[in-house]
C-alpha atoms as a PDB file:
ATOM      1  CA  UNK A   1       0.000   0.000   0.000  1.00  0.00           C
ATOM      2  CA  UNK A   2       1.299   3.457  -0.918  1.00  0.00           C
ATOM      3  CA  UNK A   3       1.960   5.626   2.140  1.00  0.00           C
ATOM      4  CA  UNK A   4       1.609   9.399   2.407  1.00  0.00           C
ATOM      5  CA  UNK A   5       2.279  11.386   5.558  1.00  0.00           C
ATOM      6  CA  UNK A   6      -0.580  13.627   6.638  1.00  0.00           C
ATOM      7  CA  UNK A   7       1.776  16.636   6.507  1.00  0.00           C
ATOM      8  CA  UNK A   8       1.695  16.543   2.694  1.00  0.00           C
ATOM      9  CA  UNK A   9      -2.101  16.509   2.651  1.00  0.00           C
ATOM     10  CA  UNK A  10      -2.188  19.477   5.023  1.00  0.00           C
ATOM     11  CA  UNK A  11       0.327  21.285   2.796  1.00  0.00           C
ATOM     12  CA  UNK A  12      -1.887  20.613  -0.240  1.00  0.00           C
ATOM     13  CA  UNK A  13      -4.878  22.096   1.591  1.00  0.00           C
ATOM     14  CA  UNK A  14      -3.025  25.289   2.531  1.00  0.00           C
ATOM     15  CA  UNK A  15      -1.570  25.621  -0.989  1.00  0.00           C
ATOM     16  CA  UNK A  16      -5.034  25.335  -2.555  1.00  0.00           C
ATOM     17  CA  UNK A  17      -6.333  28.018  -0.169  1.00  0.00           C
ATOM     18  CA  UNK A  18      -3.557  30.484  -1.060  1.00  0.00           C
ATOM     19  CA  UNK A  19      -3.646  29.797  -4.815  1.00  0.00           C
ATOM     20  CA  UNK A  20      -7.414  30.299  -4.799  1.00  0.00           C
ATOM     21  CA  UNK A  21      -7.095  33.765  -3.282  1.00  0.00           C
ATOM     22  CA  UNK A  22      -4.409  34.834  -5.754  1.00  0.00           C
ATOM     23  CA  UNK A  23      -6.538  33.785  -8.742  1.00  0.00           C
ATOM     24  CA  UNK A  24      -9.995  34.768  -7.432  1.00  0.00           C
ATOM     25  CA  UNK A  25      -9.988  38.178  -9.127  1.00  0.00           C
ATOM     26  CA  UNK A  26      -9.969  36.593 -12.607  1.00  0.00           C
ATOM     27  CA  UNK A  27     -13.515  35.799 -13.780  1.00  0.00           C
ATOM     28  CA  UNK A  28     -13.840  32.828 -16.152  1.00  0.00           C
ATOM     29  CA  UNK A  29     -16.645  31.342 -18.212  1.00  0.00           C
ATOM     30  CA  UNK A  30     -17.818  27.807 -17.410  1.00  0.00           C
ATOM     31  CA  UNK A  31     -20.695  26.890 -19.715  1.00  0.00           C
ATOM     32  CA  UNK A  32     -23.495  29.381 -18.955  1.00  0.00           C
ATOM     33  CA  UNK A  33     -21.852  30.512 -15.699  1.00  0.00           C
ATOM     34  CA  UNK A  34     -19.328  33.229 -14.961  1.00  0.00           C
ATOM     35  CA  UNK A  35     -17.182  32.179 -11.989  1.00  0.00           C
ATOM     36  CA  UNK A  36     -13.931  33.278 -10.301  1.00  0.00           C
ATOM     37  CA  UNK A  37     -10.941  31.245 -11.529  1.00  0.00           C
ATOM     38  CA  UNK A  38     -10.272  30.236  -7.929  1.00  0.00           C
ATOM     39  CA  UNK A  39     -13.297  27.945  -7.872  1.00  0.00           C
ATOM     40  CA  UNK A  40     -11.621  25.106  -9.758  1.00  0.00           C
ATOM     41  CA  UNK A  41      -8.952  24.576  -7.133  1.00  0.00           C
ATOM     42  CA  UNK A  42     -10.782  25.884  -4.080  1.00  0.00           C
ATOM     43  CA  UNK A  43     -13.549  23.315  -4.512  1.00  0.00           C
ATOM     44  CA  UNK A  44     -10.951  20.641  -3.761  1.00  0.00           C
ATOM     45  CA  UNK A  45     -10.340  22.044  -0.282  1.00  0.00           C
ATOM     46  CA  UNK A  46     -13.662  20.743   1.027  1.00  0.00           C
ATOM     47  CA  UNK A  47     -12.797  17.172   0.042  1.00  0.00           C
ATOM     48  CA  UNK A  48      -9.217  17.525   1.302  1.00  0.00           C
ATOM     49  CA  UNK A  49     -10.381  18.757   4.704  1.00  0.00           C
ATOM     50  CA  UNK A  50     -12.806  15.827   4.881  1.00  0.00           C
ATOM     51  CA  UNK A  51      -9.891  13.470   4.291  1.00  0.00           C
ATOM     52  CA  UNK A  52      -7.925  15.242   7.029  1.00  0.00           C
ATOM     53  CA  UNK A  53     -10.985  14.916   9.280  1.00  0.00           C
ATOM     54  CA  UNK A  54     -10.922  11.163   8.692  1.00  0.00           C
ATOM     55  CA  UNK A  55      -7.274  10.987   9.782  1.00  0.00           C
ATOM     56  CA  UNK A  56      -6.918  13.620  12.516  1.00  0.00           C
ATOM     57  CA  UNK A  57     -10.497  13.940  13.745  1.00  0.00           C
ATOM     58  CA  UNK A  58     -12.587  17.070  14.184  1.00  0.00           C
ATOM     59  CA  UNK A  59     -10.145  19.023  16.351  1.00  0.00           C
ATOM     60  CA  UNK A  60      -7.238  18.298  14.032  1.00  0.00           C
ATOM     61  CA  UNK A  61      -9.276  19.382  11.000  1.00  0.00           C
ATOM     62  CA  UNK A  62     -10.234  22.591  12.767  1.00  0.00           C
ATOM     63  CA  UNK A  63      -6.564  23.393  13.367  1.00  0.00           C
ATOM     64  CA  UNK A  64      -5.808  22.834   9.677  1.00  0.00           C
ATOM     65  CA  UNK A  65      -8.643  25.212   8.691  1.00  0.00           C
ATOM     66  CA  UNK A  66      -7.145  27.846  10.996  1.00  0.00           C
ATOM     67  CA  UNK A  67      -3.694  27.231   9.465  1.00  0.00           C
ATOM     68  CA  UNK A  68      -5.186  28.041   6.053  1.00  0.00           C
ATOM     69  CA  UNK A  69      -6.649  31.249   7.476  1.00  0.00           C
ATOM     70  CA  UNK A  70      -3.262  32.295   8.867  1.00  0.00           C
ATOM     71  CA  UNK A  71      -1.562  31.584   5.521  1.00  0.00           C
ATOM     72  CA  UNK A  72      -4.053  33.829   3.763  1.00  0.00           C
ATOM     73  CA  UNK A  73      -3.551  36.561   6.377  1.00  0.00           C
ATOM     74  CA  UNK A  74       0.139  36.530   5.490  1.00  0.00           C
ATOM     75  CA  UNK A  75      -0.757  36.749   1.786  1.00  0.00           C
ATOM     76  CA  UNK A  76      -2.960  39.802   2.380  1.00  0.00           C
ATOM     77  CA  UNK A  77      -0.414  41.632   4.538  1.00  0.00           C
ATOM     78  CA  UNK A  78       2.477  40.912   2.181  1.00  0.00           C
ATOM     79  CA  UNK A  79       0.429  42.017  -0.839  1.00  0.00           C
ATOM     80  CA  UNK A  80      -0.173  45.387   0.836  1.00  0.00           C
ATOM     81  CA  UNK A  81       3.542  45.663   1.603  1.00  0.00           C
ATOM     82  CA  UNK A  82       4.497  44.883  -1.999  1.00  0.00           C
ATOM     83  CA  UNK A  83       2.120  47.547  -3.305  1.00  0.00           C
ATOM     84  CA  UNK A  84       3.593  50.123  -0.903  1.00  0.00           C
ATOM     85  CA  UNK A  85       7.212  49.497  -1.891  1.00  0.00           C
ATOM     86  CA  UNK A  86       8.673  51.868  -4.538  1.00  0.00           C
ATOM     87  CA  UNK A  87       9.619  50.444  -7.927  1.00  0.00           C
ATOM     88  CA  UNK A  88      12.652  51.460 -10.029  1.00  0.00           C
ATOM     89  CA  UNK A  89      12.021  53.698 -13.023  1.00  0.00           C
ATOM     90  CA  UNK A  90      12.993  50.971 -15.514  1.00  0.00           C
ATOM     91  CA  UNK A  91      10.313  48.554 -14.259  1.00  0.00           C
ATOM     92  CA  UNK A  92       7.440  48.927 -16.740  1.00  0.00           C
ATOM     93  CA  UNK A  93       4.792  46.764 -15.116  1.00  0.00           C
ATOM     94  CA  UNK A  94       4.071  48.592 -11.858  1.00  0.00           C
ATOM     95  CA  UNK A  95       0.518  49.527 -12.875  1.00  0.00           C
ATOM     96  CA  UNK A  96      -0.256  46.028 -14.131  1.00  0.00           C
ATOM     97  CA  UNK A  97       1.101  44.476 -10.959  1.00  0.00           C
ATOM     98  CA  UNK A  98      -0.938  46.931  -8.878  1.00  0.00           C
ATOM     99  CA  UNK A  99      -4.060  46.000 -10.835  1.00  0.00           C
ATOM    100  CA  UNK A 100      -3.513  42.315 -10.094  1.00  0.00           C
ATOM    101  CA  UNK A 101      -2.719  42.712  -6.401  1.00  0.00           C
ATOM    102  CA  UNK A 102      -4.923  45.681  -5.487  1.00  0.00           C
ATOM    103  CA  UNK A 103      -8.028  43.536  -5.106  1.00  0.00           C
ATOM    104  CA  UNK A 104      -6.146  40.757  -3.311  1.00  0.00           C
ATOM    105  CA  UNK A 105      -6.478  42.117   0.261  1.00  0.00           C
ATOM    106  CA  UNK A 106     -10.277  42.445  -0.086  1.00  0.00           C
ATOM    107  CA  UNK A 107     -10.515  39.028  -1.721  1.00  0.00           C
ATOM    108  CA  UNK A 108      -8.372  37.512   0.999  1.00  0.00           C
ATOM    109  CA  UNK A 109     -10.411  39.207   3.742  1.00  0.00           C
ATOM    110  CA  UNK A 110     -13.603  37.877   2.177  1.00  0.00           C
ATOM    111  CA  UNK A 111     -12.045  34.467   1.768  1.00  0.00           C
ATOM    112  CA  UNK A 112     -10.808  34.415   5.363  1.00  0.00           C
ATOM    113  CA  UNK A 113     -14.265  34.879   6.807  1.00  0.00           C
ATOM    114  CA  UNK A 114     -15.989  32.667   4.234  1.00  0.00           C
ATOM    115  CA  UNK A 115     -13.374  29.913   4.480  1.00  0.00           C
ATOM    116  CA  UNK A 116     -13.354  29.958   8.272  1.00  0.00           C
ATOM    117  CA  UNK A 117     -17.129  29.739   8.655  1.00  0.00           C
ATOM    118  CA  UNK A 118     -17.713  27.304   5.780  1.00  0.00           C
ATOM    119  CA  UNK A 119     -14.707  25.172   6.722  1.00  0.00           C
ATOM    120  CA  UNK A 120     -15.786  24.826  10.338  1.00  0.00           C
ATOM    121  CA  UNK A 121     -19.361  24.060   9.226  1.00  0.00           C
ATOM    122  CA  UNK A 122     -18.025  21.354   6.879  1.00  0.00           C
ATOM    123  CA  UNK A 123     -15.836  19.865   9.625  1.00  0.00           C
ATOM    124  CA  UNK A 124     -18.665  19.862  12.177  1.00  0.00           C
ATOM    125  CA  UNK A 125     -21.240  18.220   9.916  1.00  0.00           C
ATOM    126  CA  UNK A 126     -18.721  15.651   8.634  1.00  0.00           C
ATOM    127  CA  UNK A 127     -17.877  14.687  12.222  1.00  0.00           C
ATOM    128  CA  UNK A 128     -21.548  14.429  13.216  1.00  0.00           C
ATOM    129  CA  UNK A 129     -22.268  12.114  10.286  1.00  0.00           C
ATOM    130  CA  UNK A 130     -19.300   9.839  11.030  1.00  0.00           C
ATOM    131  CA  UNK A 131     -21.354   7.169  12.811  1.00  0.00           C
ATOM    132  CA  UNK A 132     -24.327   7.314  10.436  1.00  0.00           C
ATOM    133  CA  UNK A 133     -23.024   7.364   6.871  1.00  0.00           C
ATOM    134  CA  UNK A 134     -20.049   6.075   4.890  1.00  0.00           C
ATOM    135  CA  UNK A 135     -17.250   8.367   3.727  1.00  0.00           C
ATOM    136  CA  UNK A 136     -18.854   9.140   0.358  1.00  0.00           C
ATOM    137  CA  UNK A 137     -22.140  10.401   1.767  1.00  0.00           C
ATOM    138  CA  UNK A 138     -20.347  12.341   4.496  1.00  0.00           C
ATOM    139  CA  UNK A 139     -18.305  14.141   1.842  1.00  0.00           C
ATOM    140  CA  UNK A 140     -21.380  15.023  -0.244  1.00  0.00           C
ATOM    141  CA  UNK A 141     -23.462  16.229   2.720  1.00  0.00           C
ATOM    142  CA  UNK A 142     -20.730  18.244   4.422  1.00  0.00           C
ATOM    143  CA  UNK A 143     -19.510  19.744   1.146  1.00  0.00           C
ATOM    144  CA  UNK A 144     -23.057  20.751   0.218  1.00  0.00           C
ATOM    145  CA  UNK A 145     -23.310  22.809   3.394  1.00  0.00           C
ATOM    146  CA  UNK A 146     -19.770  24.185   3.300  1.00  0.00           C
ATOM    147  CA  UNK A 147     -19.947  25.106  -0.385  1.00  0.00           C
ATOM    148  CA  UNK A 148     -23.282  26.910   0.068  1.00  0.00           C
ATOM    149  CA  UNK A 149     -22.031  28.982   2.996  1.00  0.00           C
ATOM    150  CA  UNK A 150     -18.761  29.806   1.245  1.00  0.00           C
ATOM    151  CA  UNK A 151     -20.382  30.725  -2.085  1.00  0.00           C
ATOM    152  CA  UNK A 152     -22.781  33.217  -0.513  1.00  0.00           C
ATOM    153  CA  UNK A 153     -20.345  34.821   1.923  1.00  0.00           C
ATOM    154  CA  UNK A 154     -17.365  35.045  -0.430  1.00  0.00           C
ATOM    155  CA  UNK A 155     -19.187  36.606  -3.375  1.00  0.00           C
ATOM    156  CA  UNK A 156     -20.944  39.196  -1.196  1.00  0.00           C
ATOM    157  CA  UNK A 157     -17.827  40.178   0.728  1.00  0.00           C
ATOM    158  CA  UNK A 158     -15.423  40.139  -2.240  1.00  0.00           C
ATOM    159  CA  UNK A 159     -17.453  41.761  -5.015  1.00  0.00           C
ATOM    160  CA  UNK A 160     -20.521  43.588  -3.590  1.00  0.00           C
ATOM    161  CA  UNK A 161     -20.243  47.272  -4.498  1.00  0.00           C
ATOM    162  CA  UNK A 162     -17.382  46.710  -6.959  1.00  0.00           C
ATOM    163  CA  UNK A 163     -17.908  48.343 -10.352  1.00  0.00           C
ATOM    164  CA  UNK A 164     -19.044  45.814 -12.937  1.00  0.00           C
ATOM    165  CA  UNK A 165     -20.693  43.522 -10.384  1.00  0.00           C
ATOM    166  CA  UNK A 166     -24.444  44.338 -10.210  1.00  0.00           C
ATOM    167  CA  UNK A 167     -26.755  42.303  -7.965  1.00  0.00           C
ATOM    168  CA  UNK A 168     -27.819  40.010 -10.818  1.00  0.00           C
ATOM    169  CA  UNK A 169     -24.180  39.211 -11.549  1.00  0.00           C
ATOM    170  CA  UNK A 170     -23.494  38.507  -7.869  1.00  0.00           C
ATOM    171  CA  UNK A 171     -26.396  36.044  -7.741  1.00  0.00           C
ATOM    172  CA  UNK A 172     -25.184  34.320 -10.912  1.00  0.00           C
ATOM    173  CA  UNK A 173     -21.670  34.095  -9.464  1.00  0.00           C
ATOM    174  CA  UNK A 174     -23.058  32.467  -6.308  1.00  0.00           C
ATOM    175  CA  UNK A 175     -25.078  29.972  -8.323  1.00  0.00           C
ATOM    176  CA  UNK A 176     -22.206  29.149 -10.656  1.00  0.00           C
ATOM    177  CA  UNK A 177     -19.782  28.712  -7.774  1.00  0.00           C
ATOM    178  CA  UNK A 178     -22.111  26.392  -5.904  1.00  0.00           C
ATOM    179  CA  UNK A 179     -22.884  24.209  -8.918  1.00  0.00           C
ATOM    180  CA  UNK A 180     -19.221  23.809  -9.859  1.00  0.00           C
ATOM    181  CA  UNK A 181     -18.223  23.049  -6.259  1.00  0.00           C
ATOM    182  CA  UNK A 182     -20.837  20.315  -6.080  1.00  0.00           C
ATOM    183  CA  UNK A 183     -19.731  18.910  -9.445  1.00  0.00           C
ATOM    184  CA  UNK A 184     -16.185  18.701  -8.099  1.00  0.00           C
ATOM    185  CA  UNK A 185     -17.557  17.048  -4.955  1.00  0.00           C
ATOM    186  CA  UNK A 186     -19.399  14.377  -6.921  1.00  0.00           C
ATOM    187  CA  UNK A 187     -16.280  13.661  -8.976  1.00  0.00           C
ATOM    188  CA  UNK A 188     -14.133  13.553  -5.842  1.00  0.00           C
ATOM    189  CA  UNK A 189     -16.252  10.976  -3.992  1.00  0.00           C
ATOM    190  CA  UNK A 190     -14.754   8.018  -5.905  1.00  0.00           C
ATOM    191  CA  UNK A 191     -11.327   9.503  -5.201  1.00  0.00           C
ATOM    192  CA  UNK A 192     -12.023   9.269  -1.469  1.00  0.00           C
ATOM    193  CA  UNK A 193     -12.588   5.525  -1.806  1.00  0.00           C
ATOM    194  CA  UNK A 194      -9.491   5.154  -4.004  1.00  0.00           C
ATOM    195  CA  UNK A 195      -7.413   6.985  -1.398  1.00  0.00           C
ATOM    196  CA  UNK A 196      -8.786   4.826   1.403  1.00  0.00           C
ATOM    197  CA  UNK A 197      -8.076   1.678  -0.602  1.00  0.00           C
ATOM    198  CA  UNK A 198      -4.603   2.505  -1.898  1.00  0.00           C
ATOM    199  CA  UNK A 199      -3.090   5.143   0.392  1.00  0.00           C
ATOM    200  CA  UNK A 200      -2.115   4.805   4.013  1.00  0.00           C
ATOM    201  CA  UNK A 201      -2.093   8.260   5.599  1.00  0.00           C
ATOM    202  CA  UNK A 202       0.555   8.306   8.306  1.00  0.00           C
ATOM    203  CA  UNK A 203       0.710  10.485  11.413  1.00  0.00           C
ATOM    204  CA  UNK A 204       3.425  10.954  13.984  1.00  0.00           C
ATOM    205  CA  UNK A 205       1.595   8.770  16.505  1.00  0.00           C
ATOM    206  CA  UNK A 206      -0.800   5.878  16.357  1.00  0.00           C
ATOM    207  CA  UNK A 207      -3.339   7.588  18.606  1.00  0.00           C
ATOM    208  CA  UNK A 208      -7.004   7.486  17.660  1.00  0.00           C
ATOM    209  CA  UNK A 209      -8.448  10.636  16.051  1.00  0.00           C
ATOM    210  CA  UNK A 210      -9.739  13.224  18.498  1.00  0.00           C
ATOM    211  CA  UNK A 211     -13.458  13.698  18.152  1.00  0.00           C
END
């Protein structure tokens, strides 16, 4: 059986969180829906945190969610610092770089609150369903709640009041985000079973997960 230490899975979760916030300002077209580019990788975080929940238990998963929040705080603060630093006269892309990063602090702030609340909701529901349903159904149910909370909070906090984002567009962004997140969830359910069957997730100790 292939073995992976839980540290790598935690690192993947945090990386997905940070990458999502860097790319969230780019709107893409997915069929009839307009959605932030971050959605394609961020949707994976709900399944990854469920896998971490399986290994480390509810308290461990909560700590990983908070680690993702702290990583994004660092991203927001450093982005503001980069924008404040002077650039040499020969550097021609200051305005373009400012355009890319200027929205990042607001996006990160929105993501921090949305990710924290939706992530904790996902972790809590997944843990509550542990004794009642198998891993696949736990992933679908907990992701459905987490994705709904995140889609509503993130879009409102990140784009409400921004030029070019009327109310109708915000509602369409919420709907598109939620549908794509659930599509990723459905696709990821078989992956959960593959991981359980082929990958042994190692921890530093053999203690039972904390619930």
